[in-house]
Structures are given as C-alpha cells and as structure tokens.
Amino acid sequence: MKFSMQKLANQEQKLKWFALVLGIFSTIATIQDWYPYTMFISLPFCLIWIYCAWLHTERQLKYINIIFSVLYIYGIARYFLLH
C-alpha cells in the first residue's frame, strides 16, 4: 500500500509540472491570439487539475476545473462544427 501511494504521489508531481507548462503555453496562446489553440492547450490543463483535486478531495478546485473543462469541450466542438 505504501509503495503505491508513493508511486501515485510521484506521478502527481510530474502531472503538476506538465500542467504548469501547459498553463504557460495557454497564456502565450491567449496573448498571441492563437485561437483555437488556447482551448486545445487549456483542456488538458483542467483535466490534470481535476485528477489532482480528486486525489486530495479538494472539492472546490475539482468543480471549478470541471466547469472550465465543459466550456472548453463546448468551444472545441463548436469550432469543429463551424469550421
């Protein structure tokens, strides 16, 4: 049990670093007006934070990122339907 919890914690830290990189790229994409790349970059960012919030039962963080994920999925679907 202890080994699996340590392995999960190591994976979580890697995901958080990856989310940081995605967040930086998402911000750059927003500043540069690289629509629709902002949505494609931000969706995995939100999904990572949903996963991390579920690990620690941070309900508010989880629900905020679920809302943003739904909005990004809507935006991506709308983009593909209209283009």
PDB file of N, CA and C in Angstrom:
ATOM      1  N   MET A   1       0.823  -1.193   0.000  1.00  0.00           N
ATOM      2  CA  MET A   1       0.000   0.000   0.000  1.00  0.00           C
ATOM      3  C   MET A   1       0.868   1.259   0.000  1.00  0.00           C
ATOM      4  N   LYS A   2       1.899   1.270   0.813  1.00  0.00           N
ATOM      5  CA  LYS A   2       2.754   2.444   0.901  1.00  0.00           C
ATOM      6  C   LYS A   2       3.467   2.700  -0.424  1.00  0.00           C
ATOM      7  N   PHE A   3       3.923   1.634  -1.093  1.00  0.00           N
ATOM      8  CA  PHE A   3       4.600   1.784  -2.373  1.00  0.00           C
ATOM      9  C   PHE A   3       3.680   2.413  -3.412  1.00  0.00           C
ATOM     10  N   SER A   4       2.446   1.966  -3.475  1.00  0.00           N
ATOM     11  CA  SER A   4       1.519   2.506  -4.477  1.00  0.00           C
ATOM     12  C   SER A   4       1.179   3.966  -4.191  1.00  0.00           C
ATOM     13  N   MET A   5       1.078   4.343  -2.926  1.00  0.00           N
ATOM     14  CA  MET A   5       0.803   5.740  -2.595  1.00  0.00           C
ATOM     15  C   MET A   5       1.983   6.624  -2.987  1.00  0.00           C
ATOM     16  N   GLN A   6       3.212   6.148  -2.779  1.00  0.00           N
ATOM     17  CA  GLN A   6       4.402   6.905  -3.166  1.00  0.00           C
ATOM     18  C   GLN A   6       4.469   7.039  -4.679  1.00  0.00           C
ATOM     19  N   LYS A   7       4.155   5.956  -5.377  1.00  0.00           N
ATOM     20  CA  LYS A   7       4.167   5.983  -6.842  1.00  0.00           C
ATOM     21  C   LYS A   7       3.126   6.986  -7.358  1.00  0.00           C
ATOM     22  N   LEU A   8       1.961   6.998  -6.746  1.00  0.00           N
ATOM     23  CA  LEU A   8       0.906   7.930  -7.125  1.00  0.00           C
ATOM     24  C   LEU A   8       1.339   9.371  -6.860  1.00  0.00           C
ATOM     25  N   ALA A   9       1.998   9.598  -5.738  1.00  0.00           N
ATOM     26  CA  ALA A   9       2.485  10.942  -5.418  1.00  0.00           C
ATOM     27  C   ALA A   9       3.540  11.397  -6.419  1.00  0.00           C
ATOM     28  N   ASN A  10       4.430  10.505  -6.833  1.00  0.00           N
ATOM     29  CA  ASN A  10       5.433  10.862  -7.838  1.00  0.00           C
ATOM     30  C   ASN A  10       4.773  11.216  -9.164  1.00  0.00           C
ATOM     31  N   GLN A  11       3.783  10.473  -9.557  1.00  0.00           N
ATOM     32  CA  GLN A  11       3.050  10.744 -10.792  1.00  0.00           C
ATOM     33  C   GLN A  11       2.332  12.087 -10.700  1.00  0.00           C
ATOM     34  N   GLU A  12       1.767  12.377  -9.556  1.00  0.00           N
ATOM     35  CA  GLU A  12       1.046  13.644  -9.384  1.00  0.00           C
ATOM     36  C   GLU A  12       1.990  14.830  -9.569  1.00  0.00           C
ATOM     37  N   GLN A  13       3.171  14.759  -9.024  1.00  0.00           N
ATOM     38  CA  GLN A  13       4.118  15.871  -9.149  1.00  0.00           C
ATOM     39  C   GLN A  13       4.508  16.092 -10.609  1.00  0.00           C
ATOM     40  N   LYS A  14       4.719  15.016 -11.358  1.00  0.00           N
ATOM     41  CA  LYS A  14       5.047  15.136 -12.788  1.00  0.00           C
ATOM     42  C   LYS A  14       3.885  15.780 -13.541  1.00  0.00           C
ATOM     43  N   LEU A  15       2.665  15.373 -13.204  1.00  0.00           N
ATOM     44  CA  LEU A  15       1.491  15.961 -13.845  1.00  0.00           C
ATOM     45  C   LEU A  15       1.364  17.451 -13.534  1.00  0.00           C
ATOM     46  N   LYS A  16       1.685  17.829 -12.309  1.00  0.00           N
ATOM     47  CA  LYS A  16       1.608  19.248 -11.943  1.00  0.00           C
ATOM     48  C   LYS A  16       2.639  20.064 -12.718  1.00  0.00           C
ATOM     49  N   TRP A  17       3.836  19.532 -12.920  1.00  0.00           N
ATOM     50  CA  TRP A  17       4.835  20.239 -13.725  1.00  0.00           C
ATOM     51  C   TRP A  17       4.377  20.352 -15.177  1.00  0.00           C
ATOM     52  N   PHE A  18       3.776  19.273 -15.702  1.00  0.00           N
ATOM     53  CA  PHE A  18       3.254  19.303 -17.060  1.00  0.00           C
ATOM     54  C   PHE A  18       2.118  20.324 -17.174  1.00  0.00           C
ATOM     55  N   ALA A  19       1.263  20.390 -16.143  1.00  0.00           N
ATOM     56  CA  ALA A  19       0.175  21.376 -16.131  1.00  0.00           C
ATOM     57  C   ALA A  19       0.740  22.796 -16.115  1.00  0.00           C
ATOM     58  N   LEU A  20       1.834  22.997 -15.403  1.00  0.00           N
ATOM     59  CA  LEU A  20       2.472  24.320 -15.395  1.00  0.00           C
ATOM     60  C   LEU A  20       2.924  24.710 -16.795  1.00  0.00           C
ATOM     61  N   VAL A  21       3.539  23.776 -17.505  1.00  0.00           N
ATOM     62  CA  VAL A  21       3.978  24.041 -18.885  1.00  0.00           C
ATOM     63  C   VAL A  21       2.769  24.335 -19.775  1.00  0.00           C
ATOM     64  N   LEU A  22       1.716  23.548 -19.625  1.00  0.00           N
ATOM     65  CA  LEU A  22       0.500  23.801 -20.402  1.00  0.00           C
ATOM     66  C   LEU A  22      -0.089  25.173 -20.074  1.00  0.00           C
ATOM     67  N   GLY A  23      -0.079  25.545 -18.811  1.00  0.00           N
ATOM     68  CA  GLY A  23      -0.594  26.857 -18.405  1.00  0.00           C
ATOM     69  C   GLY A  23       0.199  27.991 -19.020  1.00  0.00           C
ATOM     70  N   ILE A  24       1.514  27.843 -19.060  1.00  0.00           N
ATOM     71  CA  ILE A  24       2.366  28.872 -19.678  1.00  0.00           C
ATOM     72  C   ILE A  24       2.072  28.971 -21.172  1.00  0.00           C
ATOM     73  N   PHE A  25       1.995  27.815 -21.851  1.00  0.00           N
ATOM     74  CA  PHE A  25       1.687  27.831 -23.282  1.00  0.00           C
ATOM     75  C   PHE A  25       0.289  28.378 -23.553  1.00  0.00           C
ATOM     76  N   SER A  26      -0.659  28.071 -22.691  1.00  0.00           N
ATOM     77  CA  SER A  26      -2.010  28.588 -22.852  1.00  0.00           C
ATOM     78  C   SER A  26      -2.026  30.108 -22.724  1.00  0.00           C
ATOM     79  N   THR A  27      -1.271  30.624 -21.773  1.00  0.00           N
ATOM     80  CA  THR A  27      -1.185  32.077 -21.597  1.00  0.00           C
ATOM     81  C   THR A  27      -0.546  32.739 -22.818  1.00  0.00           C
ATOM     82  N   ILE A  28       0.518  32.146 -23.323  1.00  0.00           N
ATOM     83  CA  ILE A  28       1.165  32.674 -24.533  1.00  0.00           C
ATOM     84  C   ILE A  28       0.197  32.630 -25.713  1.00  0.00           C
ATOM     85  N   ALA A  29      -0.539  31.519 -25.848  1.00  0.00           N
ATOM     86  CA  ALA A  29      -1.508  31.401 -26.939  1.00  0.00           C
ATOM     87  C   ALA A  29      -2.608  32.454 -26.818  1.00  0.00           C
ATOM     88  N   THR A  30      -3.009  32.755 -25.594  1.00  0.00           N
ATOM     89  CA  THR A  30      -4.026  33.790 -25.394  1.00  0.00           C
ATOM     90  C   THR A  30      -3.487  35.166 -25.768  1.00  0.00           C
ATOM     91  N   ILE A  31      -2.286  35.477 -25.301  1.00  0.00           N
ATOM     92  CA  ILE A  31      -1.675  36.778 -25.591  1.00  0.00           C
ATOM     93  C   ILE A  31      -1.447  36.953 -27.093  1.00  0.00           C
ATOM     94  N   GLN A  32      -1.024  35.882 -27.755  1.00  0.00           N
ATOM     95  CA  GLN A  32      -0.743  35.947 -29.193  1.00  0.00           C
ATOM     96  C   GLN A  32      -1.996  35.786 -30.046  1.00  0.00           C
ATOM     97  N   ASP A  33      -3.149  35.566 -29.398  1.00  0.00           N
ATOM     98  CA  ASP A  33      -4.422  35.373 -30.102  1.00  0.00           C
ATOM     99  C   ASP A  33      -4.346  34.187 -31.062  1.00  0.00           C
ATOM    100  N   TRP A  34      -3.873  33.066 -30.553  1.00  0.00           N
ATOM    101  CA  TRP A  34      -3.747  31.844 -31.353  1.00  0.00           C
ATOM    102  C   TRP A  34      -4.981  30.964 -31.196  1.00  0.00           C
ATOM    103  N   TYR A  35      -6.137  31.538 -31.418  1.00  0.00           N
ATOM    104  CA  TYR A  35      -7.372  30.768 -31.362  1.00  0.00           C
ATOM    105  C   TYR A  35      -7.352  29.733 -32.472  1.00  0.00           C
ATOM    106  N   PRO A  36      -7.738  28.518 -32.271  1.00  0.00           N
ATOM    107  CA  PRO A  36      -8.358  27.841 -31.137  1.00  0.00           C
ATOM    108  C   PRO A  36      -7.355  27.086 -30.254  1.00  0.00           C
ATOM    109  N   TYR A  37      -6.060  27.312 -30.465  1.00  0.00           N
ATOM    110  CA  TYR A  37      -5.064  26.558 -29.702  1.00  0.00           C
ATOM    111  C   TYR A  37      -5.206  26.763 -28.201  1.00  0.00           C
ATOM    112  N   THR A  38      -5.723  27.907 -27.797  1.00  0.00           N
ATOM    113  CA  THR A  38      -5.903  28.152 -26.363  1.00  0.00           C
ATOM    114  C   THR A  38      -6.797  27.081 -25.731  1.00  0.00           C
ATOM    115  N   MET A  39      -7.854  26.681 -26.439  1.00  0.00           N
ATOM    116  CA  MET A  39      -8.767  25.663 -25.906  1.00  0.00           C
ATOM    117  C   MET A  39      -8.101  24.292 -25.887  1.00  0.00           C
ATOM    118  N   PHE A  40      -7.362  23.972 -26.935  1.00  0.00           N
ATOM    119  CA  PHE A  40      -6.716  22.658 -27.013  1.00  0.00           C
ATOM    120  C   PHE A  40      -5.628  22.505 -25.949  1.00  0.00           C
ATOM    121  N   ILE A  41      -5.010  23.593 -25.567  1.00  0.00           N
ATOM    122  CA  ILE A  41      -3.968  23.556 -24.535  1.00  0.00           C
ATOM    123  C   ILE A  41      -4.592  23.602 -23.137  1.00  0.00           C
ATOM    124  N   SER A  42      -5.646  24.378 -22.984  1.00  0.00           N
ATOM    125  CA  SER A  42      -6.253  24.561 -21.664  1.00  0.00           C
ATOM    126  C   SER A  42      -7.049  23.351 -21.191  1.00  0.00           C
ATOM    127  N   LEU A  43      -7.645  22.607 -22.102  1.00  0.00           N
ATOM    128  CA  LEU A  43      -8.443  21.445 -21.696  1.00  0.00           C
ATOM    129  C   LEU A  43      -7.599  20.416 -20.931  1.00  0.00           C
ATOM    130  N   PRO A  44      -6.426  19.980 -21.449  1.00  0.00           N
ATOM    131  CA  PRO A  44      -5.638  19.026 -20.653  1.00  0.00           C
ATOM    132  C   PRO A  44      -5.175  19.621 -19.318  1.00  0.00           C
ATOM    133  N   PHE A  45      -4.918  20.923 -19.293  1.00  0.00           N
ATOM    134  CA  PHE A  45      -4.552  21.606 -18.045  1.00  0.00           C
ATOM    135  C   PHE A  45      -5.657  21.393 -17.004  1.00  0.00           C
ATOM    136  N   CYS A  46      -6.895  21.633 -17.404  1.00  0.00           N
ATOM    137  CA  CYS A  46      -8.019  21.458 -16.479  1.00  0.00           C
ATOM    138  C   CYS A  46      -8.204  20.000 -16.071  1.00  0.00           C
ATOM    139  N   LEU A  47      -8.032  19.090 -17.013  1.00  0.00           N
ATOM    140  CA  LEU A  47      -8.199  17.671 -16.692  1.00  0.00           C
ATOM    141  C   LEU A  47      -7.154  17.196 -15.692  1.00  0.00           C
ATOM    142  N   ILE A  48      -5.943  17.682 -15.814  1.00  0.00           N
ATOM    143  CA  ILE A  48      -4.896  17.330 -14.846  1.00  0.00           C
ATOM    144  C   ILE A  48      -5.290  17.832 -13.464  1.00  0.00           C
ATOM    145  N   TRP A  49      -5.786  19.060 -13.384  1.00  0.00           N
ATOM    146  CA  TRP A  49      -6.149  19.598 -12.068  1.00  0.00           C
ATOM    147  C   TRP A  49      -7.390  18.947 -11.493  1.00  0.00           C
ATOM    148  N   ILE A  50      -8.280  18.458 -12.352  1.00  0.00           N
ATOM    149  CA  ILE A  50      -9.416  17.672 -11.847  1.00  0.00           C
ATOM    150  C   ILE A  50      -8.883  16.403 -11.190  1.00  0.00           C
ATOM    151  N   TYR A  51      -7.956  15.724 -11.870  1.00  0.00           N
ATOM    152  CA  TYR A  51      -7.358  14.493 -11.349  1.00  0.00           C
ATOM    153  C   TYR A  51      -6.646  14.765 -10.020  1.00  0.00           C
ATOM    154  N   CYS A  52      -5.846  15.819  -9.965  1.00  0.00           N
ATOM    155  CA  CYS A  52      -5.105  16.136  -8.729  1.00  0.00           C
ATOM    156  C   CYS A  52      -6.049  16.518  -7.597  1.00  0.00           C
ATOM    157  N   ALA A  53      -7.126  17.215  -7.914  1.00  0.00           N
ATOM    158  CA  ALA A  53      -8.097  17.585  -6.878  1.00  0.00           C
ATOM    159  C   ALA A  53      -8.817  16.353  -6.353  1.00  0.00           C
ATOM    160  N   TRP A  54      -9.085  15.376  -7.239  1.00  0.00           N
ATOM    161  CA  TRP A  54      -9.745  14.158  -6.799  1.00  0.00           C
ATOM    162  C   TRP A  54      -8.850  13.369  -5.844  1.00  0.00           C
ATOM    163  N   LEU A  55      -7.540  13.429  -6.068  1.00  0.00           N
ATOM    164  CA  LEU A  55      -6.624  12.717  -5.178  1.00  0.00           C
ATOM    165  C   LEU A  55      -6.697  13.255  -3.755  1.00  0.00           C
ATOM    166  N   HIS A  56      -6.932  14.544  -3.612  1.00  0.00           N
ATOM    167  CA  HIS A  56      -6.909  15.168  -2.293  1.00  0.00           C
ATOM    168  C   HIS A  56      -8.286  15.658  -1.849  1.00  0.00           C
ATOM    169  N   THR A  57      -9.301  15.308  -2.598  1.00  0.00           N
ATOM    170  CA  THR A  57     -10.690  15.704  -2.321  1.00  0.00           C
ATOM    171  C   THR A  57     -10.833  17.213  -2.110  1.00  0.00           C
ATOM    172  N   GLU A  58     -10.206  17.985  -2.981  1.00  0.00           N
ATOM    173  CA  GLU A  58     -10.365  19.445  -2.974  1.00  0.00           C
ATOM    174  C   GLU A  58     -11.566  19.771  -3.851  1.00  0.00           C
ATOM    175  N   ARG A  59     -12.732  19.732  -3.238  1.00  0.00           N
ATOM    176  CA  ARG A  59     -13.984  19.812  -3.995  1.00  0.00           C
ATOM    177  C   ARG A  59     -14.104  21.088  -4.817  1.00  0.00           C
ATOM    178  N   GLN A  60     -13.759  22.225  -4.242  1.00  0.00           N
ATOM    179  CA  GLN A  60     -13.928  23.483  -4.968  1.00  0.00           C
ATOM    180  C   GLN A  60     -13.047  23.513  -6.212  1.00  0.00           C
ATOM    181  N   LEU A  61     -11.786  23.135  -6.079  1.00  0.00           N
ATOM    182  CA  LEU A  61     -10.872  23.107  -7.222  1.00  0.00           C
ATOM    183  C   LEU A  61     -11.362  22.127  -8.283  1.00  0.00           C
ATOM    184  N   LYS A  62     -11.861  20.991  -7.832  1.00  0.00           N
ATOM    185  CA  LYS A  62     -12.363  19.976  -8.757  1.00  0.00           C
ATOM    186  C   LYS A  62     -13.535  20.525  -9.569  1.00  0.00           C
ATOM    187  N   TYR A  63     -14.497  21.122  -8.911  1.00  0.00           N
ATOM    188  CA  TYR A  63     -15.695  21.594  -9.607  1.00  0.00           C
ATOM    189  C   TYR A  63     -15.414  22.789 -10.513  1.00  0.00           C
ATOM    190  N   ILE A  64     -14.519  23.665 -10.096  1.00  0.00           N
ATOM    191  CA  ILE A  64     -14.138  24.788 -10.956  1.00  0.00           C
ATOM    192  C   ILE A  64     -13.527  24.265 -12.253  1.00  0.00           C
ATOM    193  N   ASN A  65     -12.636  23.288 -12.141  1.00  0.00           N
ATOM    194  CA  ASN A  65     -11.999  22.747 -13.337  1.00  0.00           C
ATOM    195  C   ASN A  65     -12.950  21.899 -14.173  1.00  0.00           C
ATOM    196  N   ILE A  66     -13.936  21.270 -13.554  1.00  0.00           N
ATOM    197  CA  ILE A  66     -14.957  20.555 -14.329  1.00  0.00           C
ATOM    198  C   ILE A  66     -15.748  21.550 -15.169  1.00  0.00           C
ATOM    199  N   ILE A  67     -16.125  22.678 -14.582  1.00  0.00           N
ATOM    200  CA  ILE A  67     -16.867  23.706 -15.324  1.00  0.00           C
ATOM    201  C   ILE A  67     -16.038  24.216 -16.495  1.00  0.00           C
ATOM    202  N   PHE A  68     -14.762  24.544 -16.247  1.00  0.00           N
ATOM    203  CA  PHE A  68     -13.908  25.014 -17.339  1.00  0.00           C
ATOM    204  C   PHE A  68     -13.714  23.940 -18.408  1.00  0.00           C
ATOM    205  N   SER A  69     -13.582  22.688 -18.000  1.00  0.00           N
ATOM    206  CA  SER A  69     -13.420  21.602 -18.980  1.00  0.00           C
ATOM    207  C   SER A  69     -14.642  21.481 -19.877  1.00  0.00           C
ATOM    208  N   VAL A  70     -15.821  21.575 -19.276  1.00  0.00           N
ATOM    209  CA  VAL A  70     -17.057  21.518 -20.065  1.00  0.00           C
ATOM    210  C   VAL A  70     -17.107  22.682 -21.052  1.00  0.00           C
ATOM    211  N   LEU A  71     -16.721  23.862 -20.605  1.00  0.00           N
ATOM    212  CA  LEU A  71     -16.711  25.019 -21.504  1.00  0.00           C
ATOM    213  C   LEU A  71     -15.701  24.849 -22.639  1.00  0.00           C
ATOM    214  N   TYR A  72     -14.516  24.305 -22.326  1.00  0.00           N
ATOM    215  CA  TYR A  72     -13.520  24.070 -23.381  1.00  0.00           C
ATOM    216  C   TYR A  72     -13.994  22.999 -24.361  1.00  0.00           C
ATOM    217  N   ILE A  73     -14.620  21.954 -23.862  1.00  0.00           N
ATOM    218  CA  ILE A  73     -15.155  20.910 -24.753  1.00  0.00           C
ATOM    219  C   ILE A  73     -16.233  21.504 -25.655  1.00  0.00           C
ATOM    220  N   TYR A  74     -17.103  22.331 -25.087  1.00  0.00           N
ATOM    221  CA  TYR A  74     -18.118  23.026 -25.889  1.00  0.00           C
ATOM    222  C   TYR A  74     -17.454  23.892 -26.964  1.00  0.00           C
ATOM    223  N   GLY A  75     -16.449  24.663 -26.580  1.00  0.00           N
ATOM    224  CA  GLY A  75     -15.767  25.531 -27.532  1.00  0.00           C
ATOM    225  C   GLY A  75     -15.064  24.757 -28.634  1.00  0.00           C
ATOM    226  N   ILE A  76     -14.439  23.642 -28.285  1.00  0.00           N
ATOM    227  CA  ILE A  76     -13.758  22.810 -29.284  1.00  0.00           C
ATOM    228  C   ILE A  76     -14.778  22.187 -30.226  1.00  0.00           C
ATOM    229  N   ALA A  77     -15.865  21.666 -29.679  1.00  0.00           N
ATOM    230  CA  ALA A  77     -16.921  21.078 -30.534  1.00  0.00           C
ATOM    231  C   ALA A  77     -17.513  22.141 -31.463  1.00  0.00           C
ATOM    232  N   ARG A  78     -17.772  23.305 -30.917  1.00  0.00           N
ATOM    233  CA  ARG A  78     -18.315  24.405 -31.735  1.00  0.00           C
ATOM    234  C   ARG A  78     -17.349  24.799 -32.844  1.00  0.00           C
ATOM    235  N   TYR A  79     -16.078  24.834 -32.517  1.00  0.00           N
ATOM    236  CA  TYR A  79     -15.064  25.180 -33.516  1.00  0.00           C
ATOM    237  C   TYR A  79     -15.100  24.175 -34.675  1.00  0.00           C
ATOM    238  N   PHE A  80     -15.129  22.879 -34.350  1.00  0.00           N
ATOM    239  CA  PHE A  80     -15.132  21.874 -35.414  1.00  0.00           C
ATOM    240  C   PHE A  80     -16.440  21.860 -36.202  1.00  0.00           C
ATOM    241  N   LEU A  81     -17.555  22.165 -35.546  1.00  0.00           N
ATOM    242  CA  LEU A  81     -18.828  22.192 -36.252  1.00  0.00           C
ATOM    243  C   LEU A  81     -18.955  23.397 -37.181  1.00  0.00           C
ATOM    244  N   LEU A  82     -18.334  24.514 -36.838  1.00  0.00           N
ATOM    245  CA  LEU A  82     -18.459  25.721 -37.640  1.00  0.00           C
ATOM    246  C   LEU A  82     -17.341  25.905 -38.662  1.00  0.00           C
ATOM    247  N   HIS A  83     -16.272  25.128 -38.552  1.00  0.00           N
ATOM    248  CA  HIS A  83     -15.158  25.299 -39.495  1.00  0.00           C
ATOM    249  C   HIS A  83     -14.973  24.098 -40.365  1.00  0.00           C
TER     250      HIS A  83
END
